[in-house]
């Protein structure tokens, strides 16, 4: 199920919507003002790749993050 980012044309609120297979753009409602006038935003996506030339400090998988998450097996894209 894809997540899309929208901006309300009435109040300017930016919000995310998880689209189920049966939902459509007409079902999108601003969570702040309940307007159905919105525009879908172009969102950036994340991609990771392995590079032997990187000299950063993520070899142990922690990336300097707290112990509750770490890199989750490379999700930080630094290893």
N, C-alpha and C. Protein backbone atom coordinates (compact mmCIF):
# COMPACT_ATOMS: atom_id res chain seq x y z
N UNK A 1 0.84 -1.18 0.00
CA UNK A 1 0.00 0.00 0.00
C UNK A 1 0.89 1.24 0.00
N UNK A 2 0.77 2.06 -1.02
CA UNK A 2 1.61 3.26 -1.10
C UNK A 2 1.14 4.38 -0.17
N UNK A 3 2.10 5.17 0.27
CA UNK A 3 1.82 6.35 1.08
C UNK A 3 2.08 7.57 0.20
N UNK A 4 1.09 8.46 0.12
CA UNK A 4 1.20 9.67 -0.67
C UNK A 4 1.12 10.88 0.23
N UNK A 5 1.78 11.95 -0.18
CA UNK A 5 1.78 13.20 0.57
C UNK A 5 0.89 14.20 -0.16
N UNK A 6 0.03 14.87 0.59
CA UNK A 6 -0.91 15.84 0.05
C UNK A 6 -0.76 17.17 0.76
N UNK A 7 -1.19 18.24 0.07
CA UNK A 7 -1.26 19.56 0.68
C UNK A 7 -2.67 20.09 0.47
N UNK A 8 -3.28 20.55 1.55
CA UNK A 8 -4.63 21.08 1.50
C UNK A 8 -4.61 22.46 0.83
N UNK A 9 -5.49 22.66 -0.14
CA UNK A 9 -5.59 23.95 -0.82
C UNK A 9 -6.30 25.00 0.03
N UNK A 10 -7.03 24.57 1.03
CA UNK A 10 -7.78 25.49 1.89
C UNK A 10 -6.92 26.06 3.03
N UNK A 11 -6.24 25.17 3.78
CA UNK A 11 -5.52 25.63 4.98
C UNK A 11 -4.00 25.46 4.87
N UNK A 12 -3.51 24.78 3.83
CA UNK A 12 -2.07 24.62 3.64
C UNK A 12 -1.43 23.48 4.41
N UNK A 13 -2.20 22.69 5.12
CA UNK A 13 -1.67 21.57 5.88
C UNK A 13 -1.10 20.51 4.94
N UNK A 14 0.08 19.99 5.27
CA UNK A 14 0.69 18.90 4.51
C UNK A 14 0.52 17.64 5.35
N UNK A 15 0.03 16.57 4.71
CA UNK A 15 -0.25 15.34 5.43
C UNK A 15 -0.05 14.13 4.52
N UNK A 16 0.14 12.96 5.13
CA UNK A 16 0.35 11.70 4.43
C UNK A 16 -0.93 10.89 4.44
N UNK A 17 -1.14 10.15 3.36
CA UNK A 17 -2.31 9.27 3.27
C UNK A 17 -1.84 7.90 2.79
N UNK A 18 -2.20 6.88 3.53
CA UNK A 18 -1.93 5.50 3.15
C UNK A 18 -3.10 5.04 2.29
N UNK A 19 -2.85 4.83 0.99
CA UNK A 19 -3.92 4.44 0.08
C UNK A 19 -4.06 2.93 0.05
N UNK A 20 -5.24 2.46 0.39
CA UNK A 20 -5.57 1.06 0.23
C UNK A 20 -6.00 0.87 -1.22
N UNK A 21 -6.04 -0.33 -1.68
CA UNK A 21 -6.33 -0.60 -3.08
C UNK A 21 -7.69 -0.07 -3.51
N UNK A 22 -8.65 0.03 -2.61
CA UNK A 22 -9.99 0.47 -2.98
C UNK A 22 -10.20 1.97 -2.83
N UNK A 23 -9.26 2.70 -2.20
CA UNK A 23 -9.46 4.13 -2.00
C UNK A 23 -8.95 4.92 -3.20
N UNK A 24 -9.46 6.12 -3.34
CA UNK A 24 -9.06 6.97 -4.45
C UNK A 24 -8.78 8.38 -3.95
N UNK A 25 -8.32 9.24 -4.85
CA UNK A 25 -7.99 10.61 -4.49
C UNK A 25 -9.22 11.35 -3.95
N UNK A 26 -10.39 10.98 -4.43
CA UNK A 26 -11.61 11.64 -3.98
C UNK A 26 -11.90 11.36 -2.50
N UNK A 27 -11.31 10.29 -1.96
CA UNK A 27 -11.52 9.94 -0.56
C UNK A 27 -10.59 10.72 0.38
N UNK A 28 -9.64 11.49 -0.16
CA UNK A 28 -8.65 12.19 0.66
C UNK A 28 -9.28 13.43 1.28
N UNK A 29 -9.18 13.52 2.62
CA UNK A 29 -9.76 14.62 3.37
C UNK A 29 -8.68 15.19 4.29
N UNK A 30 -8.57 16.53 4.32
CA UNK A 30 -7.59 17.19 5.19
C UNK A 30 -7.91 16.88 6.66
N UNK A 31 -6.92 16.43 7.43
CA UNK A 31 -7.17 16.11 8.83
C UNK A 31 -7.39 17.36 9.70
N UNK A 32 -7.02 18.53 9.20
CA UNK A 32 -7.17 19.75 10.00
C UNK A 32 -8.51 20.46 9.75
N UNK A 33 -8.86 20.64 8.45
CA UNK A 33 -10.06 21.42 8.15
C UNK A 33 -11.15 20.62 7.44
N UNK A 34 -10.90 19.34 7.17
CA UNK A 34 -11.85 18.42 6.52
C UNK A 34 -12.16 18.77 5.07
N UNK A 35 -11.34 19.58 4.44
CA UNK A 35 -11.54 19.94 3.05
C UNK A 35 -11.14 18.77 2.15
N UNK A 36 -11.82 18.64 1.02
CA UNK A 36 -11.46 17.64 0.03
C UNK A 36 -10.67 18.27 -1.12
N UNK A 37 -10.35 19.55 -0.97
CA UNK A 37 -9.55 20.27 -1.98
C UNK A 37 -8.09 20.11 -1.61
N UNK A 38 -7.38 19.26 -2.34
CA UNK A 38 -5.99 18.99 -2.03
C UNK A 38 -5.20 18.76 -3.31
N UNK A 39 -3.90 18.78 -3.16
CA UNK A 39 -3.01 18.50 -4.28
C UNK A 39 -1.99 17.47 -3.82
N UNK A 40 -1.74 16.48 -4.67
CA UNK A 40 -0.75 15.45 -4.35
C UNK A 40 0.63 16.05 -4.58
N UNK A 41 1.52 15.91 -3.61
CA UNK A 41 2.87 16.44 -3.71
C UNK A 41 3.82 15.38 -4.26
N UNK A 42 4.87 15.84 -4.90
CA UNK A 42 5.91 14.95 -5.37
C UNK A 42 6.86 14.73 -4.21
N UNK A 43 6.95 13.53 -3.74
CA UNK A 43 7.78 13.21 -2.59
C UNK A 43 9.08 12.55 -3.03
N UNK A 44 10.14 12.83 -2.30
CA UNK A 44 11.42 12.18 -2.57
C UNK A 44 11.36 10.75 -2.03
N UNK A 45 12.18 9.89 -2.57
CA UNK A 45 12.26 8.54 -2.06
C UNK A 45 13.69 8.26 -1.65
N UNK A 46 13.84 7.25 -0.87
CA UNK A 46 15.16 6.90 -0.36
C UNK A 46 15.64 5.61 -1.01
N UNK A 47 16.92 5.57 -1.25
CA UNK A 47 17.53 4.38 -1.83
C UNK A 47 18.88 4.19 -1.18
N UNK A 48 19.28 2.97 -1.00
CA UNK A 48 20.60 2.75 -0.42
C UNK A 48 21.43 1.92 -1.39
N UNK A 49 22.71 2.10 -1.29
CA UNK A 49 23.63 1.35 -2.13
C UNK A 49 24.89 1.08 -1.35
N UNK A 50 25.59 0.07 -1.73
CA UNK A 50 26.83 -0.29 -1.05
C UNK A 50 27.99 0.24 -1.86
N UNK A 51 28.87 0.93 -1.16
CA UNK A 51 30.03 1.50 -1.82
C UNK A 51 31.27 1.15 -1.03
N UNK A 52 32.28 0.60 -1.70
CA UNK A 52 33.53 0.27 -1.02
C UNK A 52 34.37 1.51 -0.75
N UNK A 53 34.01 2.64 -1.39
CA UNK A 53 34.82 3.85 -1.23
C UNK A 53 34.39 4.68 -0.04
N UNK A 54 33.29 4.34 0.64
CA UNK A 54 32.83 5.12 1.78
C UNK A 54 33.74 4.90 2.97
N UNK A 55 34.11 5.98 3.62
CA UNK A 55 35.01 5.87 4.77
C UNK A 55 34.32 6.32 6.06
N UNK A 56 32.99 6.25 6.12
CA UNK A 56 32.25 6.69 7.30
C UNK A 56 32.33 5.69 8.43
N UNK A 57 31.70 6.04 9.57
CA UNK A 57 31.81 5.21 10.75
C UNK A 57 30.59 4.38 11.04
N UNK A 58 30.17 3.55 10.13
CA UNK A 58 29.00 2.73 10.37
C UNK A 58 29.33 1.24 10.23
N UNK A 59 30.56 0.87 10.36
CA UNK A 59 30.94 -0.52 10.15
C UNK A 59 30.33 -1.47 11.16
N UNK A 60 30.00 -0.97 12.36
CA UNK A 60 29.41 -1.84 13.37
C UNK A 60 27.88 -1.87 13.29
N UNK A 61 27.30 -1.10 12.35
CA UNK A 61 25.85 -1.09 12.20
C UNK A 61 25.14 -0.13 13.11
N UNK A 62 25.86 0.70 13.87
CA UNK A 62 25.17 1.60 14.80
C UNK A 62 24.98 3.00 14.25
N UNK A 63 25.87 3.46 13.39
CA UNK A 63 25.81 4.80 12.78
C UNK A 63 25.71 5.90 13.83
N UNK A 64 26.07 5.63 15.05
CA UNK A 64 25.99 6.63 16.10
C UNK A 64 24.59 6.85 16.62
N UNK A 65 23.66 5.98 16.27
CA UNK A 65 22.29 6.12 16.73
C UNK A 65 22.12 5.39 18.05
N UNK A 66 21.07 5.74 18.80
CA UNK A 66 20.83 5.05 20.08
C UNK A 66 20.68 3.56 19.89
N UNK A 67 20.89 2.82 20.95
CA UNK A 67 20.91 1.36 20.88
C UNK A 67 19.55 0.74 20.54
N UNK A 68 18.47 1.51 20.59
CA UNK A 68 17.16 0.93 20.29
C UNK A 68 16.91 0.72 18.81
N UNK A 69 17.73 1.31 17.90
CA UNK A 69 17.41 1.16 16.49
C UNK A 69 18.59 0.81 15.63
N UNK A 70 19.68 1.51 15.80
CA UNK A 70 20.83 1.27 14.94
C UNK A 70 20.49 1.49 13.48
N UNK A 71 21.20 0.80 12.63
CA UNK A 71 20.97 0.94 11.20
C UNK A 71 19.96 -0.08 10.67
N UNK A 72 19.44 -0.91 11.49
CA UNK A 72 18.49 -1.95 11.06
C UNK A 72 19.01 -2.69 9.84
N UNK A 73 20.23 -3.16 9.94
CA UNK A 73 20.78 -3.94 8.85
C UNK A 73 21.15 -3.13 7.62
N UNK A 74 21.49 -1.87 7.82
CA UNK A 74 21.94 -1.04 6.70
C UNK A 74 20.93 -0.03 6.21
N UNK A 75 19.82 0.15 6.90
CA UNK A 75 18.80 1.07 6.43
C UNK A 75 19.25 2.52 6.44
N UNK A 76 20.33 2.85 7.15
CA UNK A 76 20.80 4.23 7.14
C UNK A 76 21.54 4.54 5.86
N UNK A 77 21.87 3.56 5.06
CA UNK A 77 22.52 3.76 3.79
C UNK A 77 24.00 4.09 3.91
N UNK A 78 24.57 3.93 5.10
CA UNK A 78 25.97 4.28 5.30
C UNK A 78 26.89 3.07 5.33
N UNK A 79 26.34 1.88 5.25
CA UNK A 79 27.21 0.70 5.26
C UNK A 79 27.03 -0.15 4.05
